[in-house]
Amino acid sequence: MNQELSIRIILESPPPGVDFGIQKGSGNKYETILKQRSGKEDLCFEFKISVKENRDALYNFTGPYVQGPSSERFIYVDIGTAAGQFDSVWTRRLKIPLRGISVETIQQLFTDASLVLETKVPGTAKDGGPNCATVKPFSGWHLSPN
C-alpha cells in the first residue's frame, strides 16, 4: 500500500544569488522543481514523497523525488547550473539522507495531517559556496506543524 508523506527541507543561510531546487527523476532524465533563488532568507521546499510498507513491516520511500537504493534513500537538491541557472559559477547537488526516521514517526504522520516531516540543513559549505555532497553533520528529521 502506497501512502504519501509531506516533507519540508529548510536550507539555512545559503549564499545569495544561486538557484536551488528539488530533483525530480534521475540520471539525465530529471527536472528541477520548486526552484528558488537564494537571497538573505532561508529557503524552504515542501513536497510529498511516497511510502510503502514492505514485508518486514518497515517502510520504503519511493517516488520521483527519492533517489538511491532502498537501504540508503535520499533526496537531491540541485544547485546552480544543475538547477538550470546557466550563468551560475556553481554546479552542485546536495544529498539529504532519508534515514533515522522511525516507524512510529511515519505512522504518526499517516494519522495526523497537521504534521510534516522536516529537516534543516546548512546552505553554505566551508568554502563559502553552496553546501554540496552528503549533508554532514546531519541532524536528522523531526515532526513539525504543517
C-alpha atoms as a PDB file:
ATOM      1  CA  MET A   1       0.000   0.000   0.000  1.00  0.00           C
ATOM      2  CA  ASN A   2       1.430   3.378  -1.028  1.00  0.00           C
ATOM      3  CA  GLN A   3       0.813   6.475   1.043  1.00  0.00           C
ATOM      4  CA  GLU A   4       2.230   9.979   0.805  1.00  0.00           C
ATOM      5  CA  LEU A   5       4.179  11.932   3.403  1.00  0.00           C
ATOM      6  CA  SER A   6       4.621  15.682   3.470  1.00  0.00           C
ATOM      7  CA  ILE A   7       8.286  16.716   3.508  1.00  0.00           C
ATOM      8  CA  ARG A   8       9.836  20.080   4.356  1.00  0.00           C
ATOM      9  CA  ILE A   9      13.510  20.836   3.738  1.00  0.00           C
ATOM     10  CA  ILE A  10      14.837  24.119   5.111  1.00  0.00           C
ATOM     11  CA  LEU A  11      18.130  25.251   3.627  1.00  0.00           C
ATOM     12  CA  GLU A  12      19.687  27.596   6.174  1.00  0.00           C
ATOM     13  CA  SER A  13      21.616  30.694   5.045  1.00  0.00           C
ATOM     14  CA  PRO A  14      22.605  29.645   1.519  1.00  0.00           C
ATOM     15  CA  PRO A  15      24.945  32.014  -0.342  1.00  0.00           C
ATOM     16  CA  PRO A  16      22.919  34.654  -2.242  1.00  0.00           C
ATOM     17  CA  GLY A  17      22.211  34.675  -5.962  1.00  0.00           C
ATOM     18  CA  VAL A  18      22.191  30.903  -6.506  1.00  0.00           C
ATOM     19  CA  ASP A  19      19.298  28.766  -7.766  1.00  0.00           C
ATOM     20  CA  PHE A  20      18.285  25.754  -5.658  1.00  0.00           C
ATOM     21  CA  GLY A  21      15.559  23.196  -6.360  1.00  0.00           C
ATOM     22  CA  ILE A  22      14.409  19.651  -5.702  1.00  0.00           C
ATOM     23  CA  GLN A  23      15.422  16.995  -8.241  1.00  0.00           C
ATOM     24  CA  LYS A  24      12.546  15.057  -9.776  1.00  0.00           C
ATOM     25  CA  GLY A  25      13.738  11.962 -11.637  1.00  0.00           C
ATOM     26  CA  SER A  26      17.258  10.625 -12.027  1.00  0.00           C
ATOM     27  CA  GLY A  27      20.107  10.175 -14.481  1.00  0.00           C
ATOM     28  CA  ASN A  28      19.929  12.512 -17.463  1.00  0.00           C
ATOM     29  CA  LYS A  29      16.128  12.452 -17.346  1.00  0.00           C
ATOM     30  CA  TYR A  30      15.426  14.747 -14.437  1.00  0.00           C
ATOM     31  CA  GLU A  31      13.904  18.137 -13.887  1.00  0.00           C
ATOM     32  CA  THR A  32      14.374  20.611 -11.092  1.00  0.00           C
ATOM     33  CA  ILE A  33      11.163  21.611  -9.352  1.00  0.00           C
ATOM     34  CA  LEU A  34      10.336  24.197  -6.683  1.00  0.00           C
ATOM     35  CA  LYS A  35      13.271  26.277  -7.938  1.00  0.00           C
ATOM     36  CA  GLN A  36      14.209  29.274  -5.797  1.00  0.00           C
ATOM     37  CA  ARG A  37      16.984  31.849  -5.965  1.00  0.00           C
ATOM     38  CA  SER A  38      18.738  32.428  -2.657  1.00  0.00           C
ATOM     39  CA  GLY A  39      18.778  35.843  -1.056  1.00  0.00           C
ATOM     40  CA  LYS A  40      19.033  36.829   2.595  1.00  0.00           C
ATOM     41  CA  GLU A  41      16.495  34.313   3.913  1.00  0.00           C
ATOM     42  CA  ASP A  42      16.479  30.548   4.419  1.00  0.00           C
ATOM     43  CA  LEU A  43      14.944  28.553   1.554  1.00  0.00           C
ATOM     44  CA  CYS A  44      12.037  26.209   2.209  1.00  0.00           C
ATOM     45  CA  PHE A  45      10.978  23.313  -0.017  1.00  0.00           C
ATOM     46  CA  GLU A  46       7.713  21.475   0.659  1.00  0.00           C
ATOM     47  CA  PHE A  47       6.561  18.441  -1.316  1.00  0.00           C
ATOM     48  CA  LYS A  48       5.318  14.877  -0.876  1.00  0.00           C
ATOM     49  CA  ILE A  49       7.093  11.557  -1.195  1.00  0.00           C
ATOM     50  CA  SER A  50       5.553   8.093  -1.434  1.00  0.00           C
ATOM     51  CA  VAL A  51       5.991   5.466   1.237  1.00  0.00           C
ATOM     52  CA  LYS A  52       5.150   1.806   1.033  1.00  0.00           C
ATOM     53  CA  GLU A  53       5.286  -0.867   3.701  1.00  0.00           C
ATOM     54  CA  ASN A  54       7.473  -3.867   2.950  1.00  0.00           C
ATOM     55  CA  ARG A  55       7.199  -7.459   4.167  1.00  0.00           C
ATOM     56  CA  ASP A  56       9.156  -6.709   7.355  1.00  0.00           C
ATOM     57  CA  ALA A  57       6.645  -4.018   8.418  1.00  0.00           C
ATOM     58  CA  LEU A  58       9.283  -1.413   7.623  1.00  0.00           C
ATOM     59  CA  TYR A  59       8.823   1.472   5.236  1.00  0.00           C
ATOM     60  CA  ASN A  60      10.414   2.140   1.879  1.00  0.00           C
ATOM     61  CA  PHE A  61      10.489   5.684   0.490  1.00  0.00           C
ATOM     62  CA  THR A  62       9.683   5.861  -3.226  1.00  0.00           C
ATOM     63  CA  GLY A  63       8.574   8.222  -5.931  1.00  0.00           C
ATOM     64  CA  PRO A  64      10.122  10.652  -8.400  1.00  0.00           C
ATOM     65  CA  TYR A  65      11.941  12.737  -5.744  1.00  0.00           C
ATOM     66  CA  VAL A  66      13.555   9.782  -3.958  1.00  0.00           C
ATOM     67  CA  GLN A  67      16.998   8.621  -5.089  1.00  0.00           C
ATOM     68  CA  GLY A  68      19.313   5.727  -4.234  1.00  0.00           C
ATOM     69  CA  PRO A  69      18.999   2.061  -3.274  1.00  0.00           C
ATOM     70  CA  SER A  70      16.235   1.063  -0.827  1.00  0.00           C
ATOM     71  CA  SER A  71      18.712   0.792   2.060  1.00  0.00           C
ATOM     72  CA  GLU A  72      20.119   4.316   1.503  1.00  0.00           C
ATOM     73  CA  ARG A  73      17.360   6.565   0.139  1.00  0.00           C
ATOM     74  CA  PHE A  74      17.943  10.307  -0.206  1.00  0.00           C
ATOM     75  CA  ILE A  75      16.684  13.494  -1.846  1.00  0.00           C
ATOM     76  CA  TYR A  76      18.815  15.700  -4.103  1.00  0.00           C
ATOM     77  CA  VAL A  77      18.791  19.480  -4.001  1.00  0.00           C
ATOM     78  CA  ASP A  78      20.083  20.731  -7.374  1.00  0.00           C
ATOM     79  CA  ILE A  79      22.264  23.836  -7.231  1.00  0.00           C
ATOM     80  CA  GLY A  80      23.365  26.428  -9.786  1.00  0.00           C
ATOM     81  CA  THR A  81      23.720  25.019 -13.299  1.00  0.00           C
ATOM     82  CA  ALA A  82      22.383  21.652 -12.055  1.00  0.00           C
ATOM     83  CA  ALA A  83      19.183  23.566 -11.209  1.00  0.00           C
ATOM     84  CA  GLY A  84      19.083  25.253 -14.626  1.00  0.00           C
ATOM     85  CA  GLN A  85      20.844  28.521 -13.684  1.00  0.00           C
ATOM     86  CA  PHE A  86      23.114  28.565 -16.716  1.00  0.00           C
ATOM     87  CA  ASP A  87      25.004  31.747 -15.749  1.00  0.00           C
ATOM     88  CA  SER A  88      25.976  30.326 -12.334  1.00  0.00           C
ATOM     89  CA  VAL A  89      29.583  29.513 -11.398  1.00  0.00           C
ATOM     90  CA  TRP A  90      28.220  26.631  -9.267  1.00  0.00           C
ATOM     91  CA  THR A  91      27.326  23.111 -10.402  1.00  0.00           C
ATOM     92  CA  ARG A  92      26.483  21.151  -7.299  1.00  0.00           C
ATOM     93  CA  ARG A  93      23.973  18.818  -5.695  1.00  0.00           C
ATOM     94  CA  LEU A  94      23.184  18.393  -2.032  1.00  0.00           C
ATOM     95  CA  LYS A  95      22.278  14.889  -0.867  1.00  0.00           C
ATOM     96  CA  ILE A  96      19.782  14.789   2.012  1.00  0.00           C
ATOM     97  CA  PRO A  97      19.515  11.305   3.550  1.00  0.00           C
ATOM     98  CA  LEU A  98      16.147   9.744   4.348  1.00  0.00           C
ATOM     99  CA  ARG A  99      17.490   7.816   7.329  1.00  0.00           C
ATOM    100  CA  GLY A 100      16.777   7.728  11.025  1.00  0.00           C
ATOM    101  CA  ILE A 101      13.017   8.059  10.531  1.00  0.00           C
ATOM    102  CA  SER A 102      11.266   5.658  12.876  1.00  0.00           C
ATOM    103  CA  VAL A 103       8.233   3.531  12.068  1.00  0.00           C
ATOM    104  CA  GLU A 104       6.412   5.372  14.866  1.00  0.00           C
ATOM    105  CA  THR A 105       7.172   8.745  13.266  1.00  0.00           C
ATOM    106  CA  ILE A 106       5.854   7.574   9.890  1.00  0.00           C
ATOM    107  CA  GLN A 107       2.700   6.166  11.462  1.00  0.00           C
ATOM    108  CA  GLN A 108       2.135   9.433  13.313  1.00  0.00           C
ATOM    109  CA  LEU A 109       2.408  11.320  10.014  1.00  0.00           C
ATOM    110  CA  PHE A 110      -0.162   8.975   8.453  1.00  0.00           C
ATOM    111  CA  THR A 111      -2.659   9.648  11.243  1.00  0.00           C
ATOM    112  CA  ASP A 112      -2.140  13.407  11.725  1.00  0.00           C
ATOM    113  CA  ALA A 113      -2.371  15.556   8.585  1.00  0.00           C
ATOM    114  CA  SER A 114      -1.321  18.630  10.588  1.00  0.00           C
ATOM    115  CA  LEU A 115       2.260  17.303  10.785  1.00  0.00           C
ATOM    116  CA  VAL A 116       5.105  17.377   8.285  1.00  0.00           C
ATOM    117  CA  LEU A 117       8.483  15.617   8.268  1.00  0.00           C
ATOM    118  CA  GLU A 118      11.085  18.378   8.441  1.00  0.00           C
ATOM    119  CA  THR A 119      14.840  18.782   8.358  1.00  0.00           C
ATOM    120  CA  LYS A 120      17.091  21.820   8.469  1.00  0.00           C
ATOM    121  CA  VAL A 121      20.434  21.702   6.696  1.00  0.00           C
ATOM    122  CA  PRO A 122      23.233  24.253   6.270  1.00  0.00           C
ATOM    123  CA  GLY A 123      23.058  26.052   2.931  1.00  0.00           C
ATOM    124  CA  THR A 124      26.682  27.218   2.851  1.00  0.00           C
ATOM    125  CA  ALA A 125      29.749  24.970   2.637  1.00  0.00           C
ATOM    126  CA  LYS A 126      33.119  25.562   4.304  1.00  0.00           C
ATOM    127  CA  ASP A 127      34.420  27.087   1.051  1.00  0.00           C
ATOM    128  CA  GLY A 128      31.691  29.769   1.205  1.00  0.00           C
ATOM    129  CA  GLY A 129      29.814  28.315  -1.771  1.00  0.00           C
ATOM    130  CA  PRO A 130      26.602  26.315  -1.689  1.00  0.00           C
ATOM    131  CA  ASN A 131      26.691  23.244   0.538  1.00  0.00           C
ATOM    132  CA  CYS A 132      27.029  20.041  -1.505  1.00  0.00           C
ATOM    133  CA  ALA A 133      27.593  16.283  -1.336  1.00  0.00           C
ATOM    134  CA  THR A 134      26.009  14.412   1.593  1.00  0.00           C
ATOM    135  CA  VAL A 135      24.878  16.704   4.411  1.00  0.00           C
ATOM    136  CA  LYS A 136      27.368  16.485   7.307  1.00  0.00           C
ATOM    137  CA  PRO A 137      26.668  16.717  10.112  1.00  0.00           C
ATOM    138  CA  PHE A 138      23.076  15.677   9.517  1.00  0.00           C
ATOM    139  CA  SER A 139      20.764  16.486  12.427  1.00  0.00           C
ATOM    140  CA  GLY A 140      18.037  14.217  11.053  1.00  0.00           C
ATOM    141  CA  TRP A 141      14.305  14.547  10.558  1.00  0.00           C
ATOM    142  CA  HIS A 142      11.651  15.616  13.033  1.00  0.00           C
ATOM    143  CA  LEU A 143       7.910  16.214  13.166  1.00  0.00           C
ATOM    144  CA  SER A 144       6.799  19.801  12.737  1.00  0.00           C
ATOM    145  CA  PRO A 145       3.418  21.552  12.371  1.00  0.00           C
ATOM    146  CA  ASN A 146       2.257  21.847   8.766  1.00  0.00           C
END
